């Protein structure tokens, strides 16, 4: 099975670092972030740790592999 999307729940130091590492190693994979704080999601997108983010878990994991 080919991985197309990964969702990271919690974009703190560990989640953000994981997102950055995934984007560096496999830039073709869509990385989605889920967090309680919109500001954290905005930062994750700005530093390119995630492609997009949401505060709604159900939306973030909807198409995750």
Protein backbone atom coordinates (compact mmCIF):
# COMPACT_ATOMS: atom_id res chain seq x y z
CA UNK A 1 0.00 0.00 0.00
CA UNK A 2 1.32 3.41 -0.95
CA UNK A 3 1.18 6.07 1.77
CA UNK A 4 -0.35 9.28 0.45
CA UNK A 5 -1.32 11.12 3.64
CA UNK A 6 -0.08 11.07 7.21
CA UNK A 7 -1.86 12.87 10.03
CA UNK A 8 0.04 14.07 13.09
CA UNK A 9 -2.06 14.68 16.19
CA UNK A 10 -0.33 17.32 18.30
CA UNK A 11 2.13 19.72 16.68
CA UNK A 12 4.37 20.41 19.63
CA UNK A 13 8.11 19.82 19.52
CA UNK A 14 7.83 16.11 18.73
CA UNK A 15 4.92 16.36 16.28
CA UNK A 16 6.43 19.33 14.48
CA UNK A 17 9.82 17.61 14.24
CA UNK A 18 8.17 14.48 12.88
CA UNK A 19 6.36 16.55 10.26
CA UNK A 20 9.57 18.27 9.17
CA UNK A 21 11.38 14.93 8.92
CA UNK A 22 8.55 13.37 6.89
CA UNK A 23 8.43 16.32 4.48
CA UNK A 24 12.21 16.15 4.03
CA UNK A 25 12.35 12.38 3.50
CA UNK A 26 9.14 11.95 1.50
CA UNK A 27 8.01 15.31 0.07
CA UNK A 28 5.30 13.62 -2.00
CA UNK A 29 3.39 12.59 1.13
CA UNK A 30 0.71 15.01 2.31
CA UNK A 31 1.21 15.76 6.01
CA UNK A 32 -1.80 17.01 7.96
CA UNK A 33 -1.62 18.42 11.46
CA UNK A 34 -4.28 18.27 14.17
CA UNK A 35 -3.96 20.48 17.22
CA UNK A 36 -6.21 22.31 19.68
CA UNK A 37 -4.60 25.69 18.95
CA UNK A 38 -5.06 27.36 15.56
CA UNK A 39 -1.88 29.40 16.11
CA UNK A 40 0.12 26.17 16.43
CA UNK A 41 -1.35 24.92 13.16
CA UNK A 42 -0.57 28.21 11.44
CA UNK A 43 3.04 27.95 12.60
CA UNK A 44 3.26 24.35 11.40
CA UNK A 45 2.12 25.40 7.94
CA UNK A 46 4.45 28.42 7.93
CA UNK A 47 7.54 26.32 8.70
CA UNK A 48 6.36 23.62 6.27
CA UNK A 49 6.08 20.90 8.92
CA UNK A 50 2.54 20.21 7.63
CA UNK A 51 0.69 20.93 4.41
CA UNK A 52 -2.46 21.98 6.23
CA UNK A 53 -3.97 21.72 9.67
CA UNK A 54 -7.25 21.52 11.51
CA UNK A 55 -8.59 21.62 15.05
CA UNK A 56 -11.10 18.88 14.18
CA UNK A 57 -9.70 15.36 14.62
CA UNK A 58 -12.36 13.78 12.40
CA UNK A 59 -11.43 16.10 9.53
CA UNK A 60 -7.69 15.56 9.98
CA UNK A 61 -7.79 11.77 9.90
CA UNK A 62 -10.48 11.44 7.24
CA UNK A 63 -8.10 10.47 4.41
CA UNK A 64 -5.05 9.42 6.44
CA UNK A 65 -3.26 6.24 5.51
